[in-house]
Amino acid sequence: MHNIKDLKIWSRAIDLAIRIYGVSGKFPADERFGLISQIRRCAISIPSNISEGAGRNTKGEFKQFLGIANGSCYELQTQIVIAQKLGFINDVDGSNILDDIDTLQKMNYKLQSALIQK
């Protein structure tokens, strides 16, 4: 069992989710039940799965939840690209968010590797 407050990846994922809420709040109102809802659920899924995995009993279970979080990163990445192409997110914000997602993915792979090696 890990203390999530000590996991940098969890903290970064929380920051990303907060950022996604701010950016998606500027989307057109008719996207409230579409892309806004989907992008927010996806962003929340990342730190949620990290924390759920950290609370599990084995490293294997933790790794499994990190895999789910990584899948959510890829899903969020796709949604950000779509939002950019639709003009809902400007290129600067989109690029910064995509960079943050890339960083989370790298951190995730590194943590998964560390769990395997221990």
PDB file of N, CA and C in Angstrom:
ATOM      1  N   MET A   1       0.836  -1.171   0.000  1.00  0.00           N
ATOM      2  CA  MET A   1       0.000   0.000   0.000  1.00  0.00           C
ATOM      3  C   MET A   1       0.887   1.243   0.000  1.00  0.00           C
ATOM      4  N   HIS A   2       0.523   2.208  -0.830  1.00  0.00           N
ATOM      5  CA  HIS A   2       1.297   3.434  -0.963  1.00  0.00           C
ATOM      6  C   HIS A   2       0.495   4.631  -0.456  1.00  0.00           C
ATOM      7  N   ASN A   3       1.189   5.627   0.033  1.00  0.00           N
ATOM      8  CA  ASN A   3       0.545   6.876   0.426  1.00  0.00           C
ATOM      9  C   ASN A   3       0.438   7.746  -0.833  1.00  0.00           C
ATOM     10  N   ILE A   4      -0.785   7.988  -1.309  1.00  0.00           N
ATOM     11  CA  ILE A   4      -0.933   8.725  -2.567  1.00  0.00           C
ATOM     12  C   ILE A   4      -0.396  10.144  -2.489  1.00  0.00           C
ATOM     13  N   LYS A   5      -0.408  10.723  -1.296  1.00  0.00           N
ATOM     14  CA  LYS A   5       0.100  12.090  -1.140  1.00  0.00           C
ATOM     15  C   LYS A   5       1.596  12.169  -1.439  1.00  0.00           C
ATOM     16  N   ASP A   6       2.280  11.034  -1.361  1.00  0.00           N
ATOM     17  CA  ASP A   6       3.711  10.984  -1.657  1.00  0.00           C
ATOM     18  C   ASP A   6       4.005  10.687  -3.128  1.00  0.00           C
ATOM     19  N   LEU A   7       2.970  10.357  -3.901  1.00  0.00           N
ATOM     20  CA  LEU A   7       3.159  10.004  -5.308  1.00  0.00           C
ATOM     21  C   LEU A   7       3.053  11.250  -6.190  1.00  0.00           C
ATOM     22  N   LYS A   8       4.172  11.630  -6.787  1.00  0.00           N
ATOM     23  CA  LYS A   8       4.179  12.807  -7.666  1.00  0.00           C
ATOM     24  C   LYS A   8       3.231  12.639  -8.842  1.00  0.00           C
ATOM     25  N   ILE A   9       3.120  11.414  -9.351  1.00  0.00           N
ATOM     26  CA  ILE A   9       2.242  11.160 -10.488  1.00  0.00           C
ATOM     27  C   ILE A   9       0.784  11.461 -10.118  1.00  0.00           C
ATOM     28  N   TRP A  10       0.389  11.128  -8.901  1.00  0.00           N
ATOM     29  CA  TRP A  10      -0.974  11.385  -8.453  1.00  0.00           C
ATOM     30  C   TRP A  10      -1.218  12.892  -8.357  1.00  0.00           C
ATOM     31  N   SER A  11      -0.270  13.608  -7.780  1.00  0.00           N
ATOM     32  CA  SER A  11      -0.389  15.059  -7.652  1.00  0.00           C
ATOM     33  C   SER A  11      -0.469  15.741  -9.024  1.00  0.00           C
ATOM     34  N   ARG A  12       0.371  15.292  -9.957  1.00  0.00           N
ATOM     35  CA  ARG A  12       0.353  15.858 -11.323  1.00  0.00           C
ATOM     36  C   ARG A  12      -0.965  15.548 -12.025  1.00  0.00           C
ATOM     37  N   ALA A  13      -1.491  14.354 -11.779  1.00  0.00           N
ATOM     38  CA  ALA A  13      -2.764  13.969 -12.396  1.00  0.00           C
ATOM     39  C   ALA A  13      -3.923  14.808 -11.831  1.00  0.00           C
ATOM     40  N   ILE A  14      -3.875  15.099 -10.549  1.00  0.00           N
ATOM     41  CA  ILE A  14      -4.878  15.984  -9.934  1.00  0.00           C
ATOM     42  C   ILE A  14      -4.807  17.358 -10.587  1.00  0.00           C
ATOM     43  N   ASP A  15      -3.590  17.892 -10.720  1.00  0.00           N
ATOM     44  CA  ASP A  15      -3.417  19.208 -11.353  1.00  0.00           C
ATOM     45  C   ASP A  15      -3.964  19.220 -12.772  1.00  0.00           C
ATOM     46  N   LEU A  16      -3.732  18.149 -13.512  1.00  0.00           N
ATOM     47  CA  LEU A  16      -4.235  18.056 -14.880  1.00  0.00           C
ATOM     48  C   LEU A  16      -5.767  18.047 -14.885  1.00  0.00           C
ATOM     49  N   ALA A  17      -6.369  17.303 -13.986  1.00  0.00           N
ATOM     50  CA  ALA A  17      -7.837  17.251 -13.924  1.00  0.00           C
ATOM     51  C   ALA A  17      -8.423  18.634 -13.638  1.00  0.00           C
ATOM     52  N   ILE A  18      -7.811  19.358 -12.730  1.00  0.00           N
ATOM     53  CA  ILE A  18      -8.266  20.718 -12.411  1.00  0.00           C
ATOM     54  C   ILE A  18      -8.147  21.607 -13.653  1.00  0.00           C
ATOM     55  N   ARG A  19      -7.037  21.476 -14.345  1.00  0.00           N
ATOM     56  CA  ARG A  19      -6.809  22.265 -15.560  1.00  0.00           C
ATOM     57  C   ARG A  19      -7.845  21.931 -16.636  1.00  0.00           C
ATOM     58  N   ILE A  20      -8.161  20.658 -16.773  1.00  0.00           N
ATOM     59  CA  ILE A  20      -9.151  20.213 -17.758  1.00  0.00           C
ATOM     60  C   ILE A  20     -10.513  20.817 -17.436  1.00  0.00           C
ATOM     61  N   TYR A  21     -10.868  20.873 -16.166  1.00  0.00           N
ATOM     62  CA  TYR A  21     -12.136  21.483 -15.785  1.00  0.00           C
ATOM     63  C   TYR A  21     -12.181  22.952 -16.209  1.00  0.00           C
ATOM     64  N   GLY A  22     -11.082  23.666 -16.002  1.00  0.00           N
ATOM     65  CA  GLY A  22     -11.045  25.077 -16.393  1.00  0.00           C
ATOM     66  C   GLY A  22     -11.159  25.271 -17.888  1.00  0.00           C
ATOM     67  N   VAL A  23     -10.412  24.500 -18.641  1.00  0.00           N
ATOM     68  CA  VAL A  23     -10.411  24.639 -20.103  1.00  0.00           C
ATOM     69  C   VAL A  23     -11.746  24.195 -20.695  1.00  0.00           C
ATOM     70  N   SER A  24     -12.266  23.063 -20.214  1.00  0.00           N
ATOM     71  CA  SER A  24     -13.513  22.546 -20.786  1.00  0.00           C
ATOM     72  C   SER A  24     -14.715  23.409 -20.416  1.00  0.00           C
ATOM     73  N   GLY A  25     -14.588  24.201 -19.372  1.00  0.00           N
ATOM     74  CA  GLY A  25     -15.655  25.123 -18.997  1.00  0.00           C
ATOM     75  C   GLY A  25     -15.900  26.201 -20.038  1.00  0.00           C
ATOM     76  N   LYS A  26     -14.957  26.360 -20.938  1.00  0.00           N
ATOM     77  CA  LYS A  26     -15.074  27.364 -22.007  1.00  0.00           C
ATOM     78  C   LYS A  26     -15.637  26.772 -23.300  1.00  0.00           C
ATOM     79  N   PHE A  27     -15.904  25.469 -23.306  1.00  0.00           N
ATOM     80  CA  PHE A  27     -16.479  24.815 -24.489  1.00  0.00           C
ATOM     81  C   PHE A  27     -17.904  25.325 -24.699  1.00  0.00           C
ATOM     82  N   PRO A  28     -18.444  25.170 -25.887  1.00  0.00           N
ATOM     83  CA  PRO A  28     -19.838  25.568 -26.129  1.00  0.00           C
ATOM     84  C   PRO A  28     -20.803  24.809 -25.209  1.00  0.00           C
ATOM     85  N   ALA A  29     -21.846  25.488 -24.782  1.00  0.00           N
ATOM     86  CA  ALA A  29     -22.809  24.905 -23.844  1.00  0.00           C
ATOM     87  C   ALA A  29     -23.448  23.630 -24.384  1.00  0.00           C
ATOM     88  N   ASP A  30     -23.610  23.533 -25.692  1.00  0.00           N
ATOM     89  CA  ASP A  30     -24.253  22.340 -26.243  1.00  0.00           C
ATOM     90  C   ASP A  30     -23.359  21.103 -26.155  1.00  0.00           C
ATOM     91  N   GLU A  31     -22.123  21.264 -25.729  1.00  0.00           N
ATOM     92  CA  GLU A  31     -21.206  20.138 -25.520  1.00  0.00           C
ATOM     93  C   GLU A  31     -21.240  19.635 -24.078  1.00  0.00           C
ATOM     94  N   ARG A  32     -22.125  20.216 -23.262  1.00  0.00           N
ATOM     95  CA  ARG A  32     -22.176  19.881 -21.838  1.00  0.00           C
ATOM     96  C   ARG A  32     -22.351  18.383 -21.595  1.00  0.00           C
ATOM     97  N   PHE A  33     -23.196  17.736 -22.395  1.00  0.00           N
ATOM     98  CA  PHE A  33     -23.434  16.309 -22.216  1.00  0.00           C
ATOM     99  C   PHE A  33     -22.633  15.466 -23.202  1.00  0.00           C
ATOM    100  N   GLY A  34     -21.792  16.115 -23.970  1.00  0.00           N
ATOM    101  CA  GLY A  34     -20.958  15.416 -24.941  1.00  0.00           C
ATOM    102  C   GLY A  34     -19.505  15.459 -24.520  1.00  0.00           C
ATOM    103  N   LEU A  35     -18.740  16.255 -25.242  1.00  0.00           N
ATOM    104  CA  LEU A  35     -17.291  16.281 -25.033  1.00  0.00           C
ATOM    105  C   LEU A  35     -16.904  16.804 -23.653  1.00  0.00           C
ATOM    106  N   ILE A  36     -17.621  17.777 -23.134  1.00  0.00           N
ATOM    107  CA  ILE A  36     -17.277  18.294 -21.794  1.00  0.00           C
ATOM    108  C   ILE A  36     -17.382  17.173 -20.755  1.00  0.00           C
ATOM    109  N   SER A  37     -18.496  16.486 -20.772  1.00  0.00           N
ATOM    110  CA  SER A  37     -18.699  15.396 -19.811  1.00  0.00           C
ATOM    111  C   SER A  37     -17.657  14.303 -19.989  1.00  0.00           C
ATOM    112  N   GLN A  38     -17.417  13.920 -21.222  1.00  0.00           N
ATOM    113  CA  GLN A  38     -16.475  12.835 -21.497  1.00  0.00           C
ATOM    114  C   GLN A  38     -15.043  13.210 -21.095  1.00  0.00           C
ATOM    115  N   ILE A  39     -14.635  14.416 -21.444  1.00  0.00           N
ATOM    116  CA  ILE A  39     -13.263  14.846 -21.176  1.00  0.00           C
ATOM    117  C   ILE A  39     -13.022  14.988 -19.667  1.00  0.00           C
ATOM    118  N   ARG A  40     -14.036  15.431 -18.951  1.00  0.00           N
ATOM    119  CA  ARG A  40     -13.899  15.578 -17.508  1.00  0.00           C
ATOM    120  C   ARG A  40     -13.863  14.214 -16.811  1.00  0.00           C
ATOM    121  N   ARG A  41     -14.734  13.313 -17.220  1.00  0.00           N
ATOM    122  CA  ARG A  41     -14.721  11.967 -16.623  1.00  0.00           C
ATOM    123  C   ARG A  41     -13.371  11.297 -16.855  1.00  0.00           C
ATOM    124  N   CYS A  42     -12.867  11.480 -18.049  1.00  0.00           N
ATOM    125  CA  CYS A  42     -11.591  10.869 -18.400  1.00  0.00           C
ATOM    126  C   CYS A  42     -10.460  11.452 -17.546  1.00  0.00           C
ATOM    127  N   ALA A  43     -10.446  12.774 -17.402  1.00  0.00           N
ATOM    128  CA  ALA A  43      -9.395  13.437 -16.621  1.00  0.00           C
ATOM    129  C   ALA A  43      -9.449  13.019 -15.155  1.00  0.00           C
ATOM    130  N   ILE A  44     -10.646  12.840 -14.626  1.00  0.00           N
ATOM    131  CA  ILE A  44     -10.801  12.420 -13.234  1.00  0.00           C
ATOM    132  C   ILE A  44     -10.393  10.955 -13.065  1.00  0.00           C
ATOM    133  N   SER A  45     -10.589  10.175 -14.100  1.00  0.00           N
ATOM    134  CA  SER A  45     -10.259   8.757 -14.058  1.00  0.00           C
ATOM    135  C   SER A  45      -8.768   8.521 -13.823  1.00  0.00           C
ATOM    136  N   ILE A  46      -7.935   9.408 -14.307  1.00  0.00           N
ATOM    137  CA  ILE A  46      -6.487   9.201 -14.194  1.00  0.00           C
ATOM    138  C   ILE A  46      -6.033   9.189 -12.729  1.00  0.00           C
ATOM    139  N   PRO A  47      -6.232  10.276 -11.969  1.00  0.00           N
ATOM    140  CA  PRO A  47      -5.792  10.219 -10.569  1.00  0.00           C
ATOM    141  C   PRO A  47      -6.607   9.232  -9.735  1.00  0.00           C
ATOM    142  N   SER A  48      -7.866   9.024 -10.118  1.00  0.00           N
ATOM    143  CA  SER A  48      -8.703   8.077  -9.364  1.00  0.00           C
ATOM    144  C   SER A  48      -8.155   6.661  -9.457  1.00  0.00           C
ATOM    145  N   ASN A  49      -7.744   6.244 -10.639  1.00  0.00           N
ATOM    146  CA  ASN A  49      -7.190   4.894 -10.798  1.00  0.00           C
ATOM    147  C   ASN A  49      -5.818   4.767 -10.151  1.00  0.00           C
ATOM    148  N   ILE A  50      -5.041   5.839 -10.198  1.00  0.00           N
ATOM    149  CA  ILE A  50      -3.741   5.815  -9.512  1.00  0.00           C
ATOM    150  C   ILE A  50      -3.968   5.610  -8.016  1.00  0.00           C
ATOM    151  N   SER A  51      -4.906   6.355  -7.453  1.00  0.00           N
ATOM    152  CA  SER A  51      -5.143   6.236  -6.010  1.00  0.00           C
ATOM    153  C   SER A  51      -5.774   4.891  -5.649  1.00  0.00           C
ATOM    154  N   GLU A  52      -6.682   4.403  -6.484  1.00  0.00           N
ATOM    155  CA  GLU A  52      -7.272   3.093  -6.193  1.00  0.00           C
ATOM    156  C   GLU A  52      -6.207   2.002  -6.224  1.00  0.00           C
ATOM    157  N   GLY A  53      -5.322   2.071  -7.215  1.00  0.00           N
ATOM    158  CA  GLY A  53      -4.245   1.089  -7.301  1.00  0.00           C
ATOM    159  C   GLY A  53      -3.292   1.174  -6.123  1.00  0.00           C
ATOM    160  N   ALA A  54      -3.004   2.397  -5.693  1.00  0.00           N
ATOM    161  CA  ALA A  54      -2.092   2.580  -4.561  1.00  0.00           C
ATOM    162  C   ALA A  54      -2.661   1.977  -3.290  1.00  0.00           C
ATOM    163  N   GLY A  55      -3.971   1.917  -3.205  1.00  0.00           N
ATOM    164  CA  GLY A  55      -4.606   1.370  -2.019  1.00  0.00           C
ATOM    165  C   GLY A  55      -4.801  -0.135  -2.050  1.00  0.00           C
ATOM    166  N   ARG A  56      -4.427  -0.762  -3.131  1.00  0.00           N
ATOM    167  CA  ARG A  56      -4.570  -2.222  -3.250  1.00  0.00           C
ATOM    168  C   ARG A  56      -3.463  -2.938  -2.489  1.00  0.00           C
ATOM    169  N   ASN A  57      -3.626  -4.238  -2.340  1.00  0.00           N
ATOM    170  CA  ASN A  57      -2.728  -5.018  -1.489  1.00  0.00           C
ATOM    171  C   ASN A  57      -1.442  -5.476  -2.152  1.00  0.00           C
ATOM    172  N   THR A  58      -1.421  -5.563  -3.477  1.00  0.00           N
ATOM    173  CA  THR A  58      -0.221  -6.087  -4.130  1.00  0.00           C
ATOM    174  C   THR A  58       0.289  -5.122  -5.195  1.00  0.00           C
ATOM    175  N   LYS A  59       1.551  -5.286  -5.520  1.00  0.00           N
ATOM    176  CA  LYS A  59       2.158  -4.483  -6.589  1.00  0.00           C
ATOM    177  C   LYS A  59       1.503  -4.782  -7.926  1.00  0.00           C
ATOM    178  N   GLY A  60       1.123  -6.027  -8.125  1.00  0.00           N
ATOM    179  CA  GLY A  60       0.459  -6.415  -9.364  1.00  0.00           C
ATOM    180  C   GLY A  60      -0.865  -5.695  -9.548  1.00  0.00           C
ATOM    181  N   GLU A  61      -1.625  -5.576  -8.462  1.00  0.00           N
ATOM    182  CA  GLU A  61      -2.895  -4.843  -8.537  1.00  0.00           C
ATOM    183  C   GLU A  61      -2.643  -3.368  -8.804  1.00  0.00           C
ATOM    184  N   PHE A  62      -1.631  -2.810  -8.147  1.00  0.00           N
ATOM    185  CA  PHE A  62      -1.290  -1.410  -8.366  1.00  0.00           C
ATOM    186  C   PHE A  62      -0.917  -1.190  -9.830  1.00  0.00           C
ATOM    187  N   LYS A  63      -0.108  -2.071 -10.362  1.00  0.00           N
ATOM    188  CA  LYS A  63       0.311  -1.970 -11.758  1.00  0.00           C
ATOM    189  C   LYS A  63      -0.891  -2.038 -12.697  1.00  0.00           C
ATOM    190  N   GLN A  64      -1.838  -2.903 -12.384  1.00  0.00           N
ATOM    191  CA  GLN A  64      -3.042  -3.022 -13.213  1.00  0.00           C
ATOM    192  C   GLN A  64      -3.799  -1.693 -13.262  1.00  0.00           C
ATOM    193  N   PHE A  65      -3.960  -1.029 -12.119  1.00  0.00           N
ATOM    194  CA  PHE A  65      -4.666   0.249 -12.093  1.00  0.00           C
ATOM    195  C   PHE A  65      -3.862   1.358 -12.763  1.00  0.00           C
ATOM    196  N   LEU A  66      -2.544   1.265 -12.690  1.00  0.00           N
ATOM    197  CA  LEU A  66      -1.718   2.224 -13.433  1.00  0.00           C
ATOM    198  C   LEU A  66      -1.938   2.044 -14.931  1.00  0.00           C
ATOM    199  N   GLY A  67      -2.125   0.811 -15.363  1.00  0.00           N
ATOM    200  CA  GLY A  67      -2.425   0.543 -16.761  1.00  0.00           C
ATOM    201  C   GLY A  67      -3.746   1.168 -17.181  1.00  0.00           C
ATOM    202  N   ILE A  68      -4.736   1.078 -16.314  1.00  0.00           N
ATOM    203  CA  ILE A  68      -6.027   1.700 -16.601  1.00  0.00           C
ATOM    204  C   ILE A  68      -5.874   3.222 -16.665  1.00  0.00           C
ATOM    205  N   ALA A  69      -5.110   3.789 -15.737  1.00  0.00           N
ATOM    206  CA  ALA A  69      -4.862   5.232 -15.748  1.00  0.00           C
ATOM    207  C   ALA A  69      -4.158   5.648 -17.029  1.00  0.00           C
ATOM    208  N   ASN A  70      -3.240   4.820 -17.489  1.00  0.00           N
ATOM    209  CA  ASN A  70      -2.525   5.129 -18.725  1.00  0.00           C
ATOM    210  C   ASN A  70      -3.473   5.104 -19.922  1.00  0.00           C
ATOM    211  N   GLY A  71      -4.396   4.152 -19.920  1.00  0.00           N
ATOM    212  CA  GLY A  71      -5.402   4.110 -20.975  1.00  0.00           C
ATOM    213  C   GLY A  71      -6.238   5.379 -20.975  1.00  0.00           C
ATOM    214  N   SER A  72      -6.571   5.869 -19.794  1.00  0.00           N
ATOM    215  CA  SER A  72      -7.321   7.127 -19.690  1.00  0.00           C
ATOM    216  C   SER A  72      -6.505   8.307 -20.203  1.00  0.00           C
ATOM    217  N   CYS A  73      -5.187   8.250 -20.009  1.00  0.00           N
ATOM    218  CA  CYS A  73      -4.315   9.299 -20.559  1.00  0.00           C
ATOM    219  C   CYS A  73      -4.419   9.337 -22.084  1.00  0.00           C
ATOM    220  N   TYR A  74      -4.378   8.172 -22.684  1.00  0.00           N
ATOM    221  CA  TYR A  74      -4.479   8.104 -24.149  1.00  0.00           C
ATOM    222  C   TYR A  74      -5.853   8.572 -24.626  1.00  0.00           C
ATOM    223  N   GLU A  75      -6.882   8.214 -23.885  1.00  0.00           N
ATOM    224  CA  GLU A  75      -8.231   8.651 -24.232  1.00  0.00           C
ATOM    225  C   GLU A  75      -8.328  10.172 -24.138  1.00  0.00           C
ATOM    226  N   LEU A  76      -7.791  10.735 -23.057  1.00  0.00           N
ATOM    227  CA  LEU A  76      -7.809  12.184 -22.874  1.00  0.00           C
ATOM    228  C   LEU A  76      -7.013  12.882 -23.970  1.00  0.00           C
ATOM    229  N   GLN A  77      -5.885  12.305 -24.326  1.00  0.00           N
ATOM    230  CA  GLN A  77      -5.057  12.855 -25.401  1.00  0.00           C
ATOM    231  C   GLN A  77      -5.887  12.974 -26.685  1.00  0.00           C
ATOM    232  N   THR A  78      -6.619  11.936 -27.017  1.00  0.00           N
ATOM    233  CA  THR A  78      -7.458  11.937 -28.217  1.00  0.00           C
ATOM    234  C   THR A  78      -8.538  13.013 -28.119  1.00  0.00           C
ATOM    235  N   GLN A  79      -9.157  13.132 -26.975  1.00  0.00           N
ATOM    236  CA  GLN A  79     -10.220  14.117 -26.793  1.00  0.00           C
ATOM    237  C   GLN A  79      -9.691  15.548 -26.893  1.00  0.00           C
ATOM    238  N   ILE A  80      -8.490  15.773 -26.401  1.00  0.00           N
ATOM    239  CA  ILE A  80      -7.887  17.115 -26.499  1.00  0.00           C
ATOM    240  C   ILE A  80      -7.617  17.449 -27.961  1.00  0.00           C
ATOM    241  N   VAL A  81      -7.099  16.500 -28.725  1.00  0.00           N
ATOM    242  CA  VAL A  81      -6.842  16.729 -30.154  1.00  0.00           C
ATOM    243  C   VAL A  81      -8.156  17.051 -30.873  1.00  0.00           C
ATOM    244  N   ILE A  82      -9.206  16.300 -30.558  1.00  0.00           N
ATOM    245  CA  ILE A  82     -10.507  16.562 -31.171  1.00  0.00           C
ATOM    246  C   ILE A  82     -11.002  17.954 -30.805  1.00  0.00           C
ATOM    247  N   ALA A  83     -10.893  18.308 -29.522  1.00  0.00           N
ATOM    248  CA  ALA A  83     -11.324  19.637 -29.075  1.00  0.00           C
ATOM    249  C   ALA A  83     -10.537  20.740 -29.768  1.00  0.00           C
ATOM    250  N   GLN A  84      -9.237  20.517 -29.984  1.00  0.00           N
ATOM    251  CA  GLN A  84      -8.422  21.493 -30.719  1.00  0.00           C
ATOM    252  C   GLN A  84      -8.921  21.638 -32.156  1.00  0.00           C
ATOM    253  N   LYS A  85      -9.163  20.514 -32.799  1.00  0.00           N
ATOM    254  CA  LYS A  85      -9.597  20.538 -34.197  1.00  0.00           C
ATOM    255  C   LYS A  85     -10.975  21.180 -34.353  1.00  0.00           C
ATOM    256  N   LEU A  86     -11.795  21.084 -33.309  1.00  0.00           N
ATOM    257  CA  LEU A  86     -13.107  21.726 -33.333  1.00  0.00           C
ATOM    258  C   LEU A  86     -13.027  23.205 -32.956  1.00  0.00           C
ATOM    259  N   GLY A  87     -11.848  23.646 -32.517  1.00  0.00           N
ATOM    260  CA  GLY A  87     -11.656  25.044 -32.136  1.00  0.00           C
ATOM    261  C   GLY A  87     -12.107  25.354 -30.719  1.00  0.00           C
ATOM    262  N   PHE A  88     -12.325  24.322 -29.895  1.00  0.00           N
ATOM    263  CA  PHE A  88     -12.746  24.532 -28.510  1.00  0.00           C
ATOM    264  C   PHE A  88     -11.566  24.861 -27.598  1.00  0.00           C
ATOM    265  N   ILE A  89     -10.375  24.428 -27.990  1.00  0.00           N
ATOM    266  CA  ILE A  89      -9.149  24.687 -27.226  1.00  0.00           C
ATOM    267  C   ILE A  89      -8.152  25.325 -28.178  1.00  0.00           C
ATOM    268  N   ASN A  90      -7.535  26.423 -27.733  1.00  0.00           N
ATOM    269  CA  ASN A  90      -6.530  27.050 -28.593  1.00  0.00           C
ATOM    270  C   ASN A  90      -5.263  26.202 -28.632  1.00  0.00           C
ATOM    271  N   ASP A  91      -4.429  26.468 -29.612  1.00  0.00           N
ATOM    272  CA  ASP A  91      -3.232  25.645 -29.828  1.00  0.00           C
ATOM    273  C   ASP A  91      -2.268  25.660 -28.641  1.00  0.00           C
ATOM    274  N   VAL A  92      -2.136  26.803 -27.984  1.00  0.00           N
ATOM    275  CA  VAL A  92      -1.209  26.898 -26.854  1.00  0.00           C
ATOM    276  C   VAL A  92      -1.696  26.039 -25.689  1.00  0.00           C
ATOM    277  N   ASP A  93      -2.959  26.212 -25.311  1.00  0.00           N
ATOM    278  CA  ASP A  93      -3.497  25.403 -24.209  1.00  0.00           C
ATOM    279  C   ASP A  93      -3.477  23.921 -24.561  1.00  0.00           C
ATOM    280  N   GLY A  94      -3.880  23.605 -25.787  1.00  0.00           N
ATOM    281  CA  GLY A  94      -3.896  22.210 -26.218  1.00  0.00           C
ATOM    282  C   GLY A  94      -2.516  21.586 -26.166  1.00  0.00           C
ATOM    283  N   SER A  95      -1.529  22.313 -26.657  1.00  0.00           N
ATOM    284  CA  SER A  95      -0.158  21.814 -26.665  1.00  0.00           C
ATOM    285  C   SER A  95       0.362  21.611 -25.240  1.00  0.00           C
ATOM    286  N   ASN A  96       0.066  22.548 -24.355  1.00  0.00           N
ATOM    287  CA  ASN A  96       0.507  22.425 -22.963  1.00  0.00           C
ATOM    288  C   ASN A  96      -0.149  21.232 -22.273  1.00  0.00           C
ATOM    289  N   ILE A  97      -1.431  21.035 -22.529  1.00  0.00           N
ATOM    290  CA  ILE A  97      -2.128  19.895 -21.934  1.00  0.00           C
ATOM    291  C   ILE A  97      -1.567  18.592 -22.488  1.00  0.00           C
ATOM    292  N   LEU A  98      -1.340  18.542 -23.786  1.00  0.00           N
ATOM    293  CA  LEU A  98      -0.774  17.331 -24.383  1.00  0.00           C
ATOM    294  C   LEU A  98       0.615  17.037 -23.826  1.00  0.00           C
ATOM    295  N   ASP A  99       1.399  18.081 -23.567  1.00  0.00           N
ATOM    296  CA  ASP A  99       2.714  17.896 -22.933  1.00  0.00           C
ATOM    297  C   ASP A  99       2.559  17.322 -21.522  1.00  0.00           C
ATOM    298  N   ASP A 100       1.571  17.830 -20.780  1.00  0.00           N
ATOM    299  CA  ASP A 100       1.324  17.325 -19.423  1.00  0.00           C
ATOM    300  C   ASP A 100       0.912  15.850 -19.456  1.00  0.00           C
ATOM    301  N   ILE A 101       0.077  15.503 -20.432  1.00  0.00           N
ATOM    302  CA  ILE A 101      -0.345  14.109 -20.566  1.00  0.00           C
ATOM    303  C   ILE A 101       0.855  13.229 -20.891  1.00  0.00           C
ATOM    304  N   ASP A 102       1.706  13.705 -21.784  1.00  0.00           N
ATOM    305  CA  ASP A 102       2.908  12.950 -22.145  1.00  0.00           C
ATOM    306  C   ASP A 102       3.793  12.726 -20.918  1.00  0.00           C
ATOM    307  N   THR A 103       3.936  13.742 -20.105  1.00  0.00           N
ATOM    308  CA  THR A 103       4.724  13.622 -18.878  1.00  0.00           C
ATOM    309  C   THR A 103       4.110  12.580 -17.946  1.00  0.00           C
ATOM    310  N   LEU A 104       2.784  12.608 -17.793  1.00  0.00           N
ATOM    311  CA  LEU A 104       2.118  11.611 -16.951  1.00  0.00           C
ATOM    312  C   LEU A 104       2.330  10.204 -17.479  1.00  0.00           C
ATOM    313  N   GLN A 105       2.260  10.039 -18.790  1.00  0.00           N
ATOM    314  CA  GLN A 105       2.475   8.718 -19.378  1.00  0.00           C
ATOM    315  C   GLN A 105       3.886   8.208 -19.077  1.00  0.00           C
ATOM    316  N   LYS A 106       4.860   9.080 -19.195  1.00  0.00           N
ATOM    317  CA  LYS A 106       6.244   8.689 -18.898  1.00  0.00           C
ATOM    318  C   LYS A 106       6.411   8.329 -17.427  1.00  0.00           C
ATOM    319  N   MET A 107       5.797   9.124 -16.559  1.00  0.00           N
ATOM    320  CA  MET A 107       5.863   8.838 -15.127  1.00  0.00           C
ATOM    321  C   MET A 107       5.192   7.500 -14.828  1.00  0.00           C
ATOM    322  N   ASN A 108       4.101   7.241 -15.503  1.00  0.00           N
ATOM    323  CA  ASN A 108       3.356   6.012 -15.305  1.00  0.00           C
ATOM    324  C   ASN A 108       4.204   4.795 -15.701  1.00  0.00           C
ATOM    325  N   TYR A 109       4.797   4.860 -16.880  1.00  0.00           N
ATOM    326  CA  TYR A 109       5.654   3.757 -17.327  1.00  0.00           C
ATOM    327  C   TYR A 109       6.813   3.528 -16.363  1.00  0.00           C
ATOM    328  N   LYS A 110       7.386   4.613 -15.881  1.00  0.00           N
ATOM    329  CA  LYS A 110       8.509   4.501 -14.959  1.00  0.00           C
ATOM    330  C   LYS A 110       8.070   3.851 -13.639  1.00  0.00           C
ATOM    331  N   LEU A 111       6.914   4.255 -13.133  1.00  0.00           N
ATOM    332  CA  LEU A 111       6.411   3.667 -11.892  1.00  0.00           C
ATOM    333  C   LEU A 111       6.061   2.197 -12.091  1.00  0.00           C
ATOM    334  N   GLN A 112       5.443   1.869 -13.224  1.00  0.00           N
ATOM    335  CA  GLN A 112       5.146   0.460 -13.493  1.00  0.00           C
ATOM    336  C   GLN A 112       6.409  -0.378 -13.542  1.00  0.00           C
ATOM    337  N   SER A 113       7.446   0.159 -14.197  1.00  0.00           N
ATOM    338  CA  SER A 113       8.725  -0.563 -14.268  1.00  0.00           C
ATOM    339  C   SER A 113       9.321  -0.751 -12.883  1.00  0.00           C
ATOM    340  N   ALA A 114       9.234   0.266 -12.048  1.00  0.00           N
ATOM    341  CA  ALA A 114       9.778   0.177 -10.690  1.00  0.00           C
ATOM    342  C   ALA A 114       9.025  -0.874  -9.880  1.00  0.00           C
ATOM    343  N   LEU A 115       7.712  -0.994 -10.096  1.00  0.00           N
ATOM    344  CA  LEU A 115       6.938  -1.992  -9.353  1.00  0.00           C
ATOM    345  C   LEU A 115       7.322  -3.399  -9.776  1.00  0.00           C
ATOM    346  N   ILE A 116       7.644  -3.575 -11.041  1.00  0.00           N
ATOM    347  CA  ILE A 116       8.046  -4.885 -11.561  1.00  0.00           C
ATOM    348  C   ILE A 116       9.404  -5.283 -10.995  1.00  0.00           C
ATOM    349  N   GLN A 117      10.328  -4.321 -10.905  1.00  0.00           N
ATOM    350  CA  GLN A 117      11.690  -4.606 -10.476  1.00  0.00           C
ATOM    351  C   GLN A 117      11.807  -4.882  -8.986  1.00  0.00           C
ATOM    352  N   LYS A 118      10.898  -4.365  -8.196  1.00  0.00           N
ATOM    353  CA  LYS A 118      10.989  -4.543  -6.737  1.00  0.00           C
ATOM    354  C   LYS A 118      10.637  -5.940  -6.331  1.00  0.00           C
TER     355      LYS A 118
END
